[in-house]
Amino acid sequence: MSSSTREGEILTIKQVAEYLKVTERTIYRLAAAKKIPAFKVGGTWRFSLADIDSWIKQQSMEGLDTGRDSAGEAGEQIQDREKK
């Protein structure tokens, strides 16, 4: 499959879950909360592979930009304590 064909690929919940190595339930929750790029076709969620790849890059950059660790607020609390 060529990369241009793959970029236009539309994925199902199951395919996105496998791609991101998470459960289908996690993908349902993210889509319903509009935290992952998704759209509905006939009442079922669909995902653009190109949008998912962009979302992954964005999530990675946000993690670097904020200087927070995966704990979020815990990282801020540690930084606050270090300033004192």
PDB file of N, CA and C in Angstrom:
ATOM      1  N   MET A   1       0.856  -1.190   0.000  1.00  0.00           N
ATOM      2  CA  MET A   1       0.000   0.000   0.000  1.00  0.00           C
ATOM      3  C   MET A   1       0.891   1.239   0.000  1.00  0.00           C
ATOM      4  N   SER A   2       0.636   2.169  -0.882  1.00  0.00           N
ATOM      5  CA  SER A   2       1.453   3.382  -0.956  1.00  0.00           C
ATOM      6  C   SER A   2       1.132   4.305   0.213  1.00  0.00           C
ATOM      7  N   SER A   3       2.067   5.195   0.511  1.00  0.00           N
ATOM      8  CA  SER A   3       1.849   6.092   1.655  1.00  0.00           C
ATOM      9  C   SER A   3       0.693   7.051   1.405  1.00  0.00           C
ATOM     10  N   SER A   4       0.488   7.484   0.142  1.00  0.00           N
ATOM     11  CA  SER A   4      -0.616   8.408  -0.129  1.00  0.00           C
ATOM     12  C   SER A   4      -1.958   7.718   0.064  1.00  0.00           C
ATOM     13  N   THR A   5      -2.053   6.438  -0.283  1.00  0.00           N
ATOM     14  CA  THR A   5      -3.286   5.691  -0.058  1.00  0.00           C
ATOM     15  C   THR A   5      -3.502   5.514   1.435  1.00  0.00           C
ATOM     16  N   ARG A   6      -2.431   5.212   2.149  1.00  0.00           N
ATOM     17  CA  ARG A   6      -2.516   4.995   3.595  1.00  0.00           C
ATOM     18  C   ARG A   6      -2.921   6.280   4.318  1.00  0.00           C
ATOM     19  N   GLU A   7      -2.439   7.440   3.863  1.00  0.00           N
ATOM     20  CA  GLU A   7      -2.780   8.709   4.498  1.00  0.00           C
ATOM     21  C   GLU A   7      -4.271   8.983   4.450  1.00  0.00           C
ATOM     22  N   GLY A   8      -4.925   8.592   3.380  1.00  0.00           N
ATOM     23  CA  GLY A   8      -6.360   8.817   3.235  1.00  0.00           C
ATOM     24  C   GLY A   8      -7.200   7.723   3.855  1.00  0.00           C
ATOM     25  N   GLU A   9      -6.549   6.793   4.530  1.00  0.00           N
ATOM     26  CA  GLU A   9      -7.249   5.643   5.095  1.00  0.00           C
ATOM     27  C   GLU A   9      -8.175   6.065   6.243  1.00  0.00           C
ATOM     28  N   ILE A  10      -9.337   5.432   6.282  1.00  0.00           N
ATOM     29  CA  ILE A  10     -10.312   5.659   7.349  1.00  0.00           C
ATOM     30  C   ILE A  10     -10.334   4.403   8.214  1.00  0.00           C
ATOM     31  N   LEU A  11     -10.247   4.607   9.513  1.00  0.00           N
ATOM     32  CA  LEU A  11     -10.158   3.497  10.456  1.00  0.00           C
ATOM     33  C   LEU A  11     -11.409   3.367  11.319  1.00  0.00           C
ATOM     34  N   THR A  12     -11.628   2.169  11.811  1.00  0.00           N
ATOM     35  CA  THR A  12     -12.718   1.885  12.749  1.00  0.00           C
ATOM     36  C   THR A  12     -12.188   2.027  14.179  1.00  0.00           C
ATOM     37  N   ILE A  13     -13.093   1.954  15.123  1.00  0.00           N
ATOM     38  CA  ILE A  13     -12.708   1.979  16.554  1.00  0.00           C
ATOM     39  C   ILE A  13     -11.681   0.884  16.833  1.00  0.00           C
ATOM     40  N   LYS A  14     -11.964  -0.310  16.369  1.00  0.00           N
ATOM     41  CA  LYS A  14     -11.076  -1.447  16.625  1.00  0.00           C
ATOM     42  C   LYS A  14      -9.682  -1.195  16.044  1.00  0.00           C
ATOM     43  N   GLN A  15      -9.614  -0.685  14.830  1.00  0.00           N
ATOM     44  CA  GLN A  15      -8.324  -0.422  14.199  1.00  0.00           C
ATOM     45  C   GLN A  15      -7.541   0.657  14.930  1.00  0.00           C
ATOM     46  N   VAL A  16      -8.222   1.713  15.361  1.00  0.00           N
ATOM     47  CA  VAL A  16      -7.540   2.781  16.103  1.00  0.00           C
ATOM     48  C   VAL A  16      -7.049   2.252  17.448  1.00  0.00           C
ATOM     49  N   ALA A  17      -7.863   1.456  18.107  1.00  0.00           N
ATOM     50  CA  ALA A  17      -7.457   0.875  19.389  1.00  0.00           C
ATOM     51  C   ALA A  17      -6.204   0.022  19.214  1.00  0.00           C
ATOM     52  N   GLU A  18      -6.171  -0.782  18.170  1.00  0.00           N
ATOM     53  CA  GLU A  18      -4.995  -1.610  17.911  1.00  0.00           C
ATOM     54  C   GLU A  18      -3.787  -0.732  17.581  1.00  0.00           C
ATOM     55  N   TYR A  19      -4.000   0.289  16.774  1.00  0.00           N
ATOM     56  CA  TYR A  19      -2.933   1.191  16.351  1.00  0.00           C
ATOM     57  C   TYR A  19      -2.308   1.907  17.552  1.00  0.00           C
ATOM     58  N   LEU A  20      -3.159   2.351  18.486  1.00  0.00           N
ATOM     59  CA  LEU A  20      -2.682   3.079  19.667  1.00  0.00           C
ATOM     60  C   LEU A  20      -2.375   2.168  20.853  1.00  0.00           C
ATOM     61  N   LYS A  21      -2.637   0.881  20.693  1.00  0.00           N
ATOM     62  CA  LYS A  21      -2.376  -0.110  21.754  1.00  0.00           C
ATOM     63  C   LYS A  21      -3.159   0.189  23.027  1.00  0.00           C
ATOM     64  N   VAL A  22      -4.443   0.504  22.844  1.00  0.00           N
ATOM     65  CA  VAL A  22      -5.348   0.729  23.971  1.00  0.00           C
ATOM     66  C   VAL A  22      -6.629  -0.064  23.720  1.00  0.00           C
ATOM     67  N   THR A  23      -7.540  -0.029  24.665  1.00  0.00           N
ATOM     68  CA  THR A  23      -8.791  -0.762  24.484  1.00  0.00           C
ATOM     69  C   THR A  23      -9.768   0.025  23.611  1.00  0.00           C
ATOM     70  N   GLU A  24     -10.711  -0.681  23.036  1.00  0.00           N
ATOM     71  CA  GLU A  24     -11.743  -0.024  22.244  1.00  0.00           C
ATOM     72  C   GLU A  24     -12.546   0.936  23.118  1.00  0.00           C
ATOM     73  N   ARG A  25     -12.766   0.568  24.355  1.00  0.00           N
ATOM     74  CA  ARG A  25     -13.519   1.424  25.274  1.00  0.00           C
ATOM     75  C   ARG A  25     -12.820   2.777  25.461  1.00  0.00           C
ATOM     76  N   THR A  26     -11.497   2.765  25.537  1.00  0.00           N
ATOM     77  CA  THR A  26     -10.736   4.008  25.665  1.00  0.00           C
ATOM     78  C   THR A  26     -10.973   4.898  24.457  1.00  0.00           C
ATOM     79  N   ILE A  27     -10.971   4.308  23.276  1.00  0.00           N
ATOM     80  CA  ILE A  27     -11.184   5.086  22.051  1.00  0.00           C
ATOM     81  C   ILE A  27     -12.606   5.646  22.023  1.00  0.00           C
ATOM     82  N   TYR A  28     -13.593   4.856  22.417  1.00  0.00           N
ATOM     83  CA  TYR A  28     -14.975   5.361  22.503  1.00  0.00           C
ATOM     84  C   TYR A  28     -15.036   6.586  23.406  1.00  0.00           C
ATOM     85  N   ARG A  29     -14.407   6.497  24.567  1.00  0.00           N
ATOM     86  CA  ARG A  29     -14.434   7.603  25.524  1.00  0.00           C
ATOM     87  C   ARG A  29     -13.762   8.853  24.970  1.00  0.00           C
ATOM     88  N   LEU A  30     -12.595   8.681  24.361  1.00  0.00           N
ATOM     89  CA  LEU A  30     -11.879   9.817  23.788  1.00  0.00           C
ATOM     90  C   LEU A  30     -12.687  10.469  22.669  1.00  0.00           C
ATOM     91  N   ALA A  31     -13.298   9.655  21.824  1.00  0.00           N
ATOM     92  CA  ALA A  31     -14.086  10.190  20.707  1.00  0.00           C
ATOM     93  C   ALA A  31     -15.312  10.934  21.227  1.00  0.00           C
ATOM     94  N   ALA A  32     -16.013  10.340  22.171  1.00  0.00           N
ATOM     95  CA  ALA A  32     -17.220  10.969  22.722  1.00  0.00           C
ATOM     96  C   ALA A  32     -16.891  12.285  23.421  1.00  0.00           C
ATOM     97  N   ALA A  33     -15.722  12.359  24.034  1.00  0.00           N
ATOM     98  CA  ALA A  33     -15.293  13.575  24.740  1.00  0.00           C
ATOM     99  C   ALA A  33     -14.614  14.562  23.797  1.00  0.00           C
ATOM    100  N   LYS A  34     -14.531  14.229  22.528  1.00  0.00           N
ATOM    101  CA  LYS A  34     -13.885  15.064  21.505  1.00  0.00           C
ATOM    102  C   LYS A  34     -12.422  15.330  21.837  1.00  0.00           C
ATOM    103  N   LYS A  35     -11.761  14.327  22.401  1.00  0.00           N
ATOM    104  CA  LYS A  35     -10.350  14.450  22.742  1.00  0.00           C
ATOM    105  C   LYS A  35      -9.459  13.793  21.700  1.00  0.00           C
ATOM    106  N   ILE A  36     -10.071  13.159  20.708  1.00  0.00           N
ATOM    107  CA  ILE A  36      -9.343  12.544  19.611  1.00  0.00           C
ATOM    108  C   ILE A  36     -10.124  12.872  18.338  1.00  0.00           C
ATOM    109  N   PRO A  37      -9.448  13.148  17.227  1.00  0.00           N
ATOM    110  CA  PRO A  37     -10.182  13.501  16.007  1.00  0.00           C
ATOM    111  C   PRO A  37     -10.987  12.316  15.478  1.00  0.00           C
ATOM    112  N   ALA A  38     -12.290  12.518  15.368  1.00  0.00           N
ATOM    113  CA  ALA A  38     -13.186  11.445  14.943  1.00  0.00           C
ATOM    114  C   ALA A  38     -14.441  12.041  14.320  1.00  0.00           C
ATOM    115  N   PHE A  39     -15.159  11.199  13.588  1.00  0.00           N
ATOM    116  CA  PHE A  39     -16.438  11.603  13.015  1.00  0.00           C
ATOM    117  C   PHE A  39     -17.330  10.375  12.941  1.00  0.00           C
ATOM    118  N   LYS A  40     -18.606  10.620  12.824  1.00  0.00           N
ATOM    119  CA  LYS A  40     -19.558   9.514  12.759  1.00  0.00           C
ATOM    120  C   LYS A  40     -20.087   9.339  11.342  1.00  0.00           C
ATOM    121  N   VAL A  41     -20.219   8.085  10.963  1.00  0.00           N
ATOM    122  CA  VAL A  41     -20.851   7.716   9.702  1.00  0.00           C
ATOM    123  C   VAL A  41     -21.935   6.709  10.060  1.00  0.00           C
ATOM    124  N   GLY A  42     -23.178   7.098   9.826  1.00  0.00           N
ATOM    125  CA  GLY A  42     -24.279   6.191  10.159  1.00  0.00           C
ATOM    126  C   GLY A  42     -24.306   5.775  11.615  1.00  0.00           C
ATOM    127  N   GLY A  43     -23.867   6.659  12.492  1.00  0.00           N
ATOM    128  CA  GLY A  43     -23.911   6.369  13.924  1.00  0.00           C
ATOM    129  C   GLY A  43     -22.699   5.623  14.455  1.00  0.00           C
ATOM    130  N   THR A  44     -21.732   5.297  13.585  1.00  0.00           N
ATOM    131  CA  THR A  44     -20.531   4.619  14.064  1.00  0.00           C
ATOM    132  C   THR A  44     -19.317   5.522  13.884  1.00  0.00           C
ATOM    133  N   TRP A  45     -18.409   5.458  14.837  1.00  0.00           N
ATOM    134  CA  TRP A  45     -17.222   6.304  14.822  1.00  0.00           C
ATOM    135  C   TRP A  45     -16.251   5.864  13.744  1.00  0.00           C
ATOM    136  N   ARG A  46     -15.650   6.840  13.087  1.00  0.00           N
ATOM    137  CA  ARG A  46     -14.601   6.616  12.098  1.00  0.00           C
ATOM    138  C   ARG A  46     -13.488   7.631  12.348  1.00  0.00           C
ATOM    139  N   PHE A  47     -12.283   7.274  11.905  1.00  0.00           N
ATOM    140  CA  PHE A  47     -11.101   8.070  12.186  1.00  0.00           C
ATOM    141  C   PHE A  47     -10.219   8.131  10.946  1.00  0.00           C
ATOM    142  N   SER A  48      -9.718   9.304  10.645  1.00  0.00           N
ATOM    143  CA  SER A  48      -8.777   9.473   9.550  1.00  0.00           C
ATOM    144  C   SER A  48      -7.388   9.138  10.082  1.00  0.00           C
ATOM    145  N   LEU A  49      -6.675   8.252   9.397  1.00  0.00           N
ATOM    146  CA  LEU A  49      -5.334   7.887   9.838  1.00  0.00           C
ATOM    147  C   LEU A  49      -4.421   9.110   9.884  1.00  0.00           C
ATOM    148  N   ALA A  50      -4.527   9.971   8.882  1.00  0.00           N
ATOM    149  CA  ALA A  50      -3.699  11.182   8.861  1.00  0.00           C
ATOM    150  C   ALA A  50      -4.002  12.064  10.070  1.00  0.00           C
ATOM    151  N   ASP A  51      -5.286  12.183  10.435  1.00  0.00           N
ATOM    152  CA  ASP A  51      -5.663  12.986  11.609  1.00  0.00           C
ATOM    153  C   ASP A  51      -5.144  12.351  12.903  1.00  0.00           C
ATOM    154  N   ILE A  52      -5.199  11.027  12.978  1.00  0.00           N
ATOM    155  CA  ILE A  52      -4.714  10.331  14.178  1.00  0.00           C
ATOM    156  C   ILE A  52      -3.208  10.533  14.312  1.00  0.00           C
ATOM    157  N   ASP A  53      -2.484  10.418  13.193  1.00  0.00           N
ATOM    158  CA  ASP A  53      -1.032  10.629  13.234  1.00  0.00           C
ATOM    159  C   ASP A  53      -0.692  12.061  13.662  1.00  0.00           C
ATOM    160  N   SER A  54      -1.446  13.039  13.149  1.00  0.00           N
ATOM    161  CA  SER A  54      -1.232  14.439  13.547  1.00  0.00           C
ATOM    162  C   SER A  54      -1.538  14.627  15.024  1.00  0.00           C
ATOM    163  N   TRP A  55      -2.599  13.993  15.496  1.00  0.00           N
ATOM    164  CA  TRP A  55      -2.996  14.072  16.901  1.00  0.00           C
ATOM    165  C   TRP A  55      -1.897  13.496  17.799  1.00  0.00           C
ATOM    166  N   ILE A  56      -1.312  12.383  17.367  1.00  0.00           N
ATOM    167  CA  ILE A  56      -0.228  11.772  18.140  1.00  0.00           C
ATOM    168  C   ILE A  56       0.935  12.752  18.253  1.00  0.00           C
ATOM    169  N   LYS A  57       1.316  13.366  17.144  1.00  0.00           N
ATOM    170  CA  LYS A  57       2.411  14.339  17.161  1.00  0.00           C
ATOM    171  C   LYS A  57       2.085  15.518  18.071  1.00  0.00           C
ATOM    172  N   GLN A  58       0.835  15.987  17.997  1.00  0.00           N
ATOM    173  CA  GLN A  58       0.409  17.117  18.833  1.00  0.00           C
ATOM    174  C   GLN A  58       0.482  16.745  20.313  1.00  0.00           C
ATOM    175  N   GLN A  59       0.025  15.553  20.653  1.00  0.00           N
ATOM    176  CA  GLN A  59       0.060  15.113  22.048  1.00  0.00           C
ATOM    177  C   GLN A  59       1.499  15.030  22.536  1.00  0.00           C
ATOM    178  N   SER A  60       2.382  14.547  21.688  1.00  0.00           N
ATOM    179  CA  SER A  60       3.798  14.444  22.051  1.00  0.00           C
ATOM    180  C   SER A  60       4.402  15.820  22.270  1.00  0.00           C
ATOM    181  N   MET A  61       4.082  16.761  21.401  1.00  0.00           N
ATOM    182  CA  MET A  61       4.622  18.116  21.519  1.00  0.00           C
ATOM    183  C   MET A  61       4.075  18.832  22.744  1.00  0.00           C
ATOM    184  N   GLU A  62       2.784  18.636  23.046  1.00  0.00           N
ATOM    185  CA  GLU A  62       2.198  19.275  24.228  1.00  0.00           C
ATOM    186  C   GLU A  62       2.881  18.786  25.488  1.00  0.00           C
ATOM    187  N   GLY A  63       3.235  17.523  25.524  1.00  0.00           N
ATOM    188  CA  GLY A  63       3.933  16.975  26.685  1.00  0.00           C
ATOM    189  C   GLY A  63       5.284  17.618  26.867  1.00  0.00           C
ATOM    190  N   LEU A  64       5.968  17.889  25.762  1.00  0.00           N
ATOM    191  CA  LEU A  64       7.278  18.536  25.828  1.00  0.00           C
ATOM    192  C   LEU A  64       7.159  20.014  26.135  1.00  0.00           C
ATOM    193  N   ASP A  65       6.166  20.678  25.535  1.00  0.00           N
ATOM    194  CA  ASP A  65       5.992  22.120  25.694  1.00  0.00           C
ATOM    195  C   ASP A  65       5.642  22.521  27.123  1.00  0.00           C
ATOM    196  N   THR A  66       4.834  21.741  27.787  1.00  0.00           N
ATOM    197  CA  THR A  66       4.366  22.128  29.114  1.00  0.00           C
ATOM    198  C   THR A  66       5.391  21.850  30.199  1.00  0.00           C
ATOM    199  N   GLY A  67       6.339  20.976  29.914  1.00  0.00           N
ATOM    200  CA  GLY A  67       7.325  20.637  30.923  1.00  0.00           C
ATOM    201  C   GLY A  67       6.751  19.789  32.041  1.00  0.00           C
ATOM    202  N   ARG A  68       5.550  19.300  31.830  1.00  0.00           N
ATOM    203  CA  ARG A  68       4.915  18.460  32.844  1.00  0.00           C
ATOM    204  C   ARG A  68       5.261  17.004  32.589  1.00  0.00           C
ATOM    205  N   ASP A  69       5.302  16.254  33.664  1.00  0.00           N
ATOM    206  CA  ASP A  69       5.456  14.825  33.494  1.00  0.00           C
ATOM    207  C   ASP A  69       4.078  14.212  33.303  1.00  0.00           C
ATOM    208  N   SER A  70       4.017  12.899  33.202  1.00  0.00           N
ATOM    209  CA  SER A  70       2.735  12.249  32.938  1.00  0.00           C
ATOM    210  C   SER A  70       1.747  12.432  34.083  1.00  0.00           C
ATOM    211  N   ALA A  71       2.215  12.861  35.235  1.00  0.00           N
ATOM    212  CA  ALA A  71       1.328  13.065  36.375  1.00  0.00           C
ATOM    213  C   ALA A  71       0.627  14.414  36.326  1.00  0.00           C
ATOM    214  N   GLY A  72       1.026  15.293  35.382  1.00  0.00           N
ATOM    215  CA  GLY A  72       0.338  16.574  35.243  1.00  0.00           C
ATOM    216  C   GLY A  72       0.545  17.480  36.427  1.00  0.00           C
ATOM    217  N   GLU A  73      -0.476  17.581  37.263  1.00  0.00           N
ATOM    218  CA  GLU A  73      -0.414  18.480  38.413  1.00  0.00           C
ATOM    219  C   GLU A  73       0.700  18.108  39.368  1.00  0.00           C
ATOM    220  N   ALA A  74       0.978  16.829  39.487  1.00  0.00           N
ATOM    221  CA  ALA A  74       2.045  16.416  40.397  1.00  0.00           C
ATOM    222  C   ALA A  74       3.358  17.043  39.973  1.00  0.00           C
ATOM    223  N   GLY A  75       3.593  17.134  38.673  1.00  0.00           N
ATOM    224  CA  GLY A  75       4.797  17.779  38.162  1.00  0.00           C
ATOM    225  C   GLY A  75       4.842  19.242  38.543  1.00  0.00           C
ATOM    226  N   GLU A  76       3.694  19.920  38.475  1.00  0.00           N
ATOM    227  CA  GLU A  76       3.630  21.334  38.868  1.00  0.00           C
ATOM    228  C   GLU A  76       3.925  21.481  40.350  1.00  0.00           C
ATOM    229  N   GLN A  77       3.376  20.583  41.152  1.00  0.00           N
ATOM    230  CA  GLN A  77       3.584  20.667  42.589  1.00  0.00           C
ATOM    231  C   GLN A  77       5.053  20.493  42.934  1.00  0.00           C
ATOM    232  N   ILE A  78       5.722  19.598  42.221  1.00  0.00           N
ATOM    233  CA  ILE A  78       7.149  19.383  42.465  1.00  0.00           C
ATOM    234  C   ILE A  78       7.924  20.639  42.099  1.00  0.00           C
ATOM    235  N   GLN A  79       7.580  21.246  40.955  1.00  0.00           N
ATOM    236  CA  GLN A  79       8.256  22.467  40.539  1.00  0.00           C
ATOM    237  C   GLN A  79       8.035  23.585  41.552  1.00  0.00           C
ATOM    238  N   ASP A  80       6.810  23.698  42.071  1.00  0.00           N
ATOM    239  CA  ASP A  80       6.508  24.724  43.073  1.00  0.00           C
ATOM    240  C   ASP A  80       7.361  24.530  44.323  1.00  0.00           C
ATOM    241  N   ARG A  81       7.493  23.286  44.767  1.00  0.00           N
ATOM    242  CA  ARG A  81       8.278  22.998  45.958  1.00  0.00           C
ATOM    243  C   ARG A  81       9.756  23.323  45.746  1.00  0.00           C
ATOM    244  N   GLU A  82      10.238  23.079  44.510  1.00  0.00           N
ATOM    245  CA  GLU A  82      11.636  23.344  44.224  1.00  0.00           C
ATOM    246  C   GLU A  82      11.932  24.846  44.246  1.00  0.00           C
ATOM    247  N   LYS A  83      10.935  25.684  43.928  1.00  0.00           N
ATOM    248  CA  LYS A  83      11.115  27.133  43.932  1.00  0.00           C
ATOM    249  C   LYS A  83      11.220  27.689  45.336  1.00  0.00           C
ATOM    250  N   LYS A  84      10.633  26.997  46.314  1.00  0.00           N
ATOM    251  CA  LYS A  84      10.609  27.486  47.704  1.00  0.00           C
ATOM    252  C   LYS A  84      11.877  27.252  48.433  1.00  0.00           C
TER     253      LYS A  84
END
